[in-house]
């Protein structure tokens, strides 16, 4: 019993320290004047606030980051913030918002040609389409992703891209979805 109380006290202390650290990081980043530092701090803060069970604050951090990225026309970061929003919306059970954010992220990532973000957004969309039993939308998405990956430069993916590709294949395997995209990259 005493050990359980001590564990809870330790966990509470760790969470309080995480929140204080997050606040300090945000303040420091915002004072820095460097847009990339600000964007990274907002994204990290969103993750921390989500862990702290402060979803409203997490969504605000992501929305602020998205607005800042748009203001600076930082395409890769815009796509990244959309995909992060989609991820958090999906976990919050807000499927329509998750779909919209993932679509926006995928569109920007395709335009920017950022493979990892394209695959991450595509994986999120695939999961959402599978759960919604939206077969035609899923097949259209997979065709779009296949066309993107078939360009010569996409077949020589970085290791992080390969991990994200494998996640997409795993999602499709789990749902027993057959598509040529699963055999595209070895």
C-alpha atoms as a PDB file:
ATOM      1  CA  UNK A   1       0.000   0.000   0.000  1.00  0.00           C
ATOM      2  CA  UNK A   2       2.727   2.456   0.991  1.00  0.00           C
ATOM      3  CA  UNK A   3       4.676   1.599  -2.163  1.00  0.00           C
ATOM      4  CA  UNK A   4       1.583   2.367  -4.276  1.00  0.00           C
ATOM      5  CA  UNK A   5       1.172   5.775  -2.611  1.00  0.00           C
ATOM      6  CA  UNK A   6       4.866   6.533  -3.140  1.00  0.00           C
ATOM      7  CA  UNK A   7       4.611   5.514  -6.821  1.00  0.00           C
ATOM      8  CA  UNK A   8       1.633   7.841  -7.330  1.00  0.00           C
ATOM      9  CA  UNK A   9       3.453  10.698  -5.580  1.00  0.00           C
ATOM     10  CA  UNK A  10       6.534  10.088  -7.729  1.00  0.00           C
ATOM     11  CA  UNK A  11       4.427   9.977 -10.890  1.00  0.00           C
ATOM     12  CA  UNK A  12       2.629  13.190  -9.910  1.00  0.00           C
ATOM     13  CA  UNK A  13       5.956  14.869  -9.279  1.00  0.00           C
ATOM     14  CA  UNK A  14       7.281  13.685 -12.655  1.00  0.00           C
ATOM     15  CA  UNK A  15       4.171  15.001 -14.416  1.00  0.00           C
ATOM     16  CA  UNK A  16       4.482  18.360 -12.660  1.00  0.00           C
ATOM     17  CA  UNK A  17       8.142  18.530 -13.687  1.00  0.00           C
ATOM     18  CA  UNK A  18       7.199  17.680 -17.286  1.00  0.00           C
ATOM     19  CA  UNK A  19       4.646  20.489 -17.328  1.00  0.00           C
ATOM     20  CA  UNK A  20       7.129  22.990 -15.885  1.00  0.00           C
ATOM     21  CA  UNK A  21       9.781  21.893 -18.351  1.00  0.00           C
ATOM     22  CA  UNK A  22       7.295  22.243 -21.215  1.00  0.00           C
ATOM     23  CA  UNK A  23       6.331  25.759 -20.147  1.00  0.00           C
ATOM     24  CA  UNK A  24       9.989  26.759 -19.901  1.00  0.00           C
ATOM     25  CA  UNK A  25      10.747  25.311 -23.355  1.00  0.00           C
ATOM     26  CA  UNK A  26       7.823  27.151 -24.936  1.00  0.00           C
ATOM     27  CA  UNK A  27       8.775  30.462 -23.343  1.00  0.00           C
ATOM     28  CA  UNK A  28      12.402  30.071 -24.387  1.00  0.00           C
ATOM     29  CA  UNK A  29      11.507  29.097 -27.941  1.00  0.00           C
ATOM     30  CA  UNK A  30       9.045  31.940 -28.385  1.00  0.00           C
ATOM     31  CA  UNK A  31      11.647  34.403 -27.142  1.00  0.00           C
ATOM     32  CA  UNK A  32      14.286  33.032 -29.527  1.00  0.00           C
ATOM     33  CA  UNK A  33      12.874  34.593 -32.669  1.00  0.00           C
ATOM     34  CA  UNK A  34      13.797  31.464 -34.675  1.00  0.00           C
ATOM     35  CA  UNK A  35      10.737  30.070 -36.479  1.00  0.00           C
ATOM     36  CA  UNK A  36      12.009  26.477 -36.671  1.00  0.00           C
ATOM     37  CA  UNK A  37      12.804  26.488 -32.934  1.00  0.00           C
ATOM     38  CA  UNK A  38       9.305  27.823 -32.243  1.00  0.00           C
ATOM     39  CA  UNK A  39       7.663  25.195 -34.444  1.00  0.00           C
ATOM     40  CA  UNK A  40       9.614  22.354 -32.847  1.00  0.00           C
ATOM     41  CA  UNK A  41       8.808  23.643 -29.360  1.00  0.00           C
ATOM     42  CA  UNK A  42       5.084  23.884 -30.160  1.00  0.00           C
ATOM     43  CA  UNK A  43       5.039  20.332 -31.542  1.00  0.00           C
ATOM     44  CA  UNK A  44       6.954  18.954 -28.539  1.00  0.00           C
ATOM     45  CA  UNK A  45       4.693  20.879 -26.170  1.00  0.00           C
ATOM     46  CA  UNK A  46       1.625  19.400 -27.843  1.00  0.00           C
ATOM     47  CA  UNK A  47       3.012  15.909 -27.300  1.00  0.00           C
ATOM     48  CA  UNK A  48       3.794  16.651 -23.654  1.00  0.00           C
ATOM     49  CA  UNK A  49       0.386  18.201 -22.969  1.00  0.00           C
ATOM     50  CA  UNK A  50      -1.283  15.201 -24.567  1.00  0.00           C
ATOM     51  CA  UNK A  51       0.683  12.951 -22.207  1.00  0.00           C
ATOM     52  CA  UNK A  52      -0.394  15.195 -19.340  1.00  0.00           C
ATOM     53  CA  UNK A  53      -4.029  14.579 -20.363  1.00  0.00           C
ATOM     54  CA  UNK A  54      -4.471  18.214 -21.367  1.00  0.00           C
ATOM     55  CA  UNK A  55      -5.828  17.621 -24.855  1.00  0.00           C
ATOM     56  CA  UNK A  56      -7.271  21.119 -25.288  1.00  0.00           C
ATOM     57  CA  UNK A  57      -3.852  22.628 -24.653  1.00  0.00           C
ATOM     58  CA  UNK A  58      -2.226  20.071 -26.961  1.00  0.00           C
ATOM     59  CA  UNK A  59      -4.634  20.967 -29.780  1.00  0.00           C
ATOM     60  CA  UNK A  60      -3.990  24.679 -29.170  1.00  0.00           C
ATOM     61  CA  UNK A  61      -0.224  24.126 -29.454  1.00  0.00           C
ATOM     62  CA  UNK A  62      -0.695  22.256 -32.749  1.00  0.00           C
ATOM     63  CA  UNK A  63      -3.109  24.880 -34.088  1.00  0.00           C
ATOM     64  CA  UNK A  64      -0.689  27.657 -33.129  1.00  0.00           C
ATOM     65  CA  UNK A  65       2.156  25.767 -34.799  1.00  0.00           C
ATOM     66  CA  UNK A  66       0.100  25.244 -37.945  1.00  0.00           C
ATOM     67  CA  UNK A  67      -0.748  28.958 -38.076  1.00  0.00           C
ATOM     68  CA  UNK A  68       2.913  29.900 -37.598  1.00  0.00           C
ATOM     69  CA  UNK A  69       4.040  27.432 -40.275  1.00  0.00           C
ATOM     70  CA  UNK A  70       1.435  28.831 -42.681  1.00  0.00           C
ATOM     71  CA  UNK A  71       2.495  32.410 -41.907  1.00  0.00           C
ATOM     72  CA  UNK A  72       6.059  31.499 -42.901  1.00  0.00           C
ATOM     73  CA  UNK A  73       4.975  29.271 -45.818  1.00  0.00           C
ATOM     74  CA  UNK A  74       6.972  26.401 -44.307  1.00  0.00           C
ATOM     75  CA  UNK A  75       5.437  23.607 -46.412  1.00  0.00           C
ATOM     76  CA  UNK A  76       7.100  20.629 -44.723  1.00  0.00           C
ATOM     77  CA  UNK A  77       6.081  21.906 -41.285  1.00  0.00           C
ATOM     78  CA  UNK A  78       2.541  22.694 -42.465  1.00  0.00           C
ATOM     79  CA  UNK A  79       2.164  19.090 -43.618  1.00  0.00           C
ATOM     80  CA  UNK A  80       3.714  17.822 -40.396  1.00  0.00           C
ATOM     81  CA  UNK A  81       1.358  19.853 -38.190  1.00  0.00           C
ATOM     82  CA  UNK A  82      -1.687  18.694 -40.176  1.00  0.00           C
ATOM     83  CA  UNK A  83      -0.618  15.073 -39.774  1.00  0.00           C
ATOM     84  CA  UNK A  84       0.010  15.578 -36.050  1.00  0.00           C
ATOM     85  CA  UNK A  85      -3.458  17.086 -35.693  1.00  0.00           C
ATOM     86  CA  UNK A  86      -4.894  14.082 -37.561  1.00  0.00           C
ATOM     87  CA  UNK A  87      -3.106  11.699 -35.208  1.00  0.00           C
ATOM     88  CA  UNK A  88      -4.411  13.444 -32.093  1.00  0.00           C
ATOM     89  CA  UNK A  89      -7.932  13.850 -33.513  1.00  0.00           C
ATOM     90  CA  UNK A  90      -8.007  10.132 -34.293  1.00  0.00           C
ATOM     91  CA  UNK A  91      -7.015   9.302 -30.735  1.00  0.00           C
ATOM     92  CA  UNK A  92      -9.634  11.732 -29.417  1.00  0.00           C
ATOM     93  CA  UNK A  93     -12.294   9.916 -31.465  1.00  0.00           C
ATOM     94  CA  UNK A  94     -12.948  12.869 -33.780  1.00  0.00           C
ATOM     95  CA  UNK A  95     -12.915  10.938 -37.045  1.00  0.00           C
ATOM     96  CA  UNK A  96     -14.144  13.720 -39.349  1.00  0.00           C
ATOM     97  CA  UNK A  97     -11.532  16.175 -38.083  1.00  0.00           C
ATOM     98  CA  UNK A  98      -8.887  13.440 -38.316  1.00  0.00           C
ATOM     99  CA  UNK A  99      -9.843  12.735 -41.931  1.00  0.00           C
ATOM    100  CA  UNK A 100      -9.781  16.415 -42.877  1.00  0.00           C
ATOM    101  CA  UNK A 101      -6.428  17.047 -41.205  1.00  0.00           C
ATOM    102  CA  UNK A 102      -4.866  13.897 -42.704  1.00  0.00           C
ATOM    103  CA  UNK A 103      -6.146  14.843 -46.188  1.00  0.00           C
ATOM    104  CA  UNK A 104      -4.700  18.342 -45.819  1.00  0.00           C
ATOM    105  CA  UNK A 105      -1.395  16.954 -44.567  1.00  0.00           C
ATOM    106  CA  UNK A 106      -1.196  14.453 -47.404  1.00  0.00           C
ATOM    107  CA  UNK A 107      -1.953  17.131 -50.011  1.00  0.00           C
ATOM    108  CA  UNK A 108       0.767  19.444 -48.726  1.00  0.00           C
ATOM    109  CA  UNK A 109       3.262  16.590 -48.280  1.00  0.00           C
ATOM    110  CA  UNK A 110       2.637  15.350 -51.831  1.00  0.00           C
ATOM    111  CA  UNK A 111       3.191  18.859 -53.149  1.00  0.00           C
ATOM    112  CA  UNK A 112       6.372  19.173 -51.082  1.00  0.00           C
ATOM    113  CA  UNK A 113       7.436  15.582 -51.978  1.00  0.00           C
ATOM    114  CA  UNK A 114       8.238  14.680 -48.368  1.00  0.00           C
ATOM    115  CA  UNK A 115       8.134  10.864 -48.375  1.00  0.00           C
ATOM    116  CA  UNK A 116       7.966  10.222 -44.622  1.00  0.00           C
ATOM    117  CA  UNK A 117       5.061  12.627 -44.123  1.00  0.00           C
ATOM    118  CA  UNK A 118       3.254  11.295 -47.211  1.00  0.00           C
ATOM    119  CA  UNK A 119       3.521   7.766 -45.818  1.00  0.00           C
ATOM    120  CA  UNK A 120       2.512   8.823 -42.306  1.00  0.00           C
ATOM    121  CA  UNK A 121      -0.548  10.725 -43.565  1.00  0.00           C
ATOM    122  CA  UNK A 122      -1.345   7.856 -45.918  1.00  0.00           C
ATOM    123  CA  UNK A 123      -1.146   5.341 -43.084  1.00  0.00           C
ATOM    124  CA  UNK A 124      -3.478   7.434 -40.917  1.00  0.00           C
ATOM    125  CA  UNK A 125      -5.943   7.789 -43.787  1.00  0.00           C
ATOM    126  CA  UNK A 126      -5.737   4.068 -44.556  1.00  0.00           C
ATOM    127  CA  UNK A 127      -6.566   3.246 -40.923  1.00  0.00           C
ATOM    128  CA  UNK A 128      -9.493   5.666 -40.937  1.00  0.00           C
ATOM    129  CA  UNK A 129     -10.831   4.357 -44.260  1.00  0.00           C
ATOM    130  CA  UNK A 130     -10.498   0.738 -43.083  1.00  0.00           C
ATOM    131  CA  UNK A 131     -12.407   1.489 -39.865  1.00  0.00           C
ATOM    132  CA  UNK A 132     -15.089   3.348 -41.822  1.00  0.00           C
ATOM    133  CA  UNK A 133     -15.224   0.498 -44.352  1.00  0.00           C
ATOM    134  CA  UNK A 134     -14.656   3.074 -47.094  1.00  0.00           C
ATOM    135  CA  UNK A 135     -13.238   0.614 -49.614  1.00  0.00           C
ATOM    136  CA  UNK A 136     -13.241   2.881 -52.671  1.00  0.00           C
ATOM    137  CA  UNK A 137     -11.553   5.750 -50.794  1.00  0.00           C
ATOM    138  CA  UNK A 138      -8.934   3.295 -49.508  1.00  0.00           C
ATOM    139  CA  UNK A 139      -8.194   1.968 -53.010  1.00  0.00           C
ATOM    140  CA  UNK A 140      -7.981   5.519 -54.412  1.00  0.00           C
ATOM    141  CA  UNK A 141      -5.553   6.458 -51.624  1.00  0.00           C
ATOM    142  CA  UNK A 142      -3.400   3.386 -52.221  1.00  0.00           C
ATOM    143  CA  UNK A 143      -3.269   4.123 -55.951  1.00  0.00           C
ATOM    144  CA  UNK A 144      -2.186   7.698 -55.198  1.00  0.00           C
ATOM    145  CA  UNK A 145       0.513   6.483 -52.787  1.00  0.00           C
ATOM    146  CA  UNK A 146       1.700   3.844 -55.267  1.00  0.00           C
ATOM    147  CA  UNK A 147       2.108   6.466 -57.993  1.00  0.00           C
ATOM    148  CA  UNK A 148       4.057   8.662 -55.591  1.00  0.00           C
ATOM    149  CA  UNK A 149       6.362   5.830 -54.507  1.00  0.00           C
ATOM    150  CA  UNK A 150       7.015   4.609 -58.045  1.00  0.00           C
ATOM    151  CA  UNK A 151       9.100   7.625 -58.937  1.00  0.00           C
ATOM    152  CA  UNK A 152      12.758   6.638 -59.042  1.00  0.00           C
ATOM    153  CA  UNK A 153      13.840   8.817 -56.134  1.00  0.00           C
ATOM    154  CA  UNK A 154      11.164   7.333 -53.873  1.00  0.00           C
ATOM    155  CA  UNK A 155      12.405   3.790 -54.311  1.00  0.00           C
ATOM    156  CA  UNK A 156      15.655   4.682 -52.566  1.00  0.00           C
ATOM    157  CA  UNK A 157      14.024   5.592 -49.275  1.00  0.00           C
ATOM    158  CA  UNK A 158      15.720   6.611 -46.089  1.00  0.00           C
ATOM    159  CA  UNK A 159      15.495   4.181 -43.172  1.00  0.00           C
ATOM    160  CA  UNK A 160      12.780   6.299 -41.478  1.00  0.00           C
ATOM    161  CA  UNK A 161      10.775   6.246 -44.725  1.00  0.00           C
ATOM    162  CA  UNK A 162      11.117   2.467 -44.881  1.00  0.00           C
ATOM    163  CA  UNK A 163       9.821   2.145 -41.300  1.00  0.00           C
ATOM    164  CA  UNK A 164       6.795   4.275 -42.150  1.00  0.00           C
ATOM    165  CA  UNK A 165       6.228   2.286 -45.347  1.00  0.00           C
ATOM    166  CA  UNK A 166       6.322  -0.920 -43.295  1.00  0.00           C
ATOM    167  CA  UNK A 167       3.712   0.532 -40.906  1.00  0.00           C
ATOM    168  CA  UNK A 168       1.432   1.140 -43.884  1.00  0.00           C
ATOM    169  CA  UNK A 169       1.964  -2.428 -45.102  1.00  0.00           C
ATOM    170  CA  UNK A 170       1.276  -3.744 -41.571  1.00  0.00           C
ATOM    171  CA  UNK A 171      -2.001  -1.788 -41.387  1.00  0.00           C
ATOM    172  CA  UNK A 172      -3.054  -3.241 -44.735  1.00  0.00           C
ATOM    173  CA  UNK A 173      -2.001  -6.769 -43.726  1.00  0.00           C
ATOM    174  CA  UNK A 174      -3.905  -6.496 -40.453  1.00  0.00           C
ATOM    175  CA  UNK A 175      -7.070  -5.606 -42.363  1.00  0.00           C
ATOM    176  CA  UNK A 176      -6.438  -8.284 -45.022  1.00  0.00           C
ATOM    177  CA  UNK A 177      -6.234  -5.650 -47.752  1.00  0.00           C
ATOM    178  CA  UNK A 178      -4.607  -6.777 -50.964  1.00  0.00           C
ATOM    179  CA  UNK A 179      -2.881  -4.117 -53.068  1.00  0.00           C
ATOM    180  CA  UNK A 180       0.308  -3.940 -55.172  1.00  0.00           C
ATOM    181  CA  UNK A 181       1.679  -1.190 -52.914  1.00  0.00           C
ATOM    182  CA  UNK A 182       2.538  -3.873 -50.353  1.00  0.00           C
ATOM    183  CA  UNK A 183       5.183  -5.324 -52.689  1.00  0.00           C
ATOM    184  CA  UNK A 184       6.547  -2.045 -54.038  1.00  0.00           C
ATOM    185  CA  UNK A 185       9.542  -1.608 -51.736  1.00  0.00           C
ATOM    186  CA  UNK A 186      11.697  -4.494 -50.543  1.00  0.00           C
END
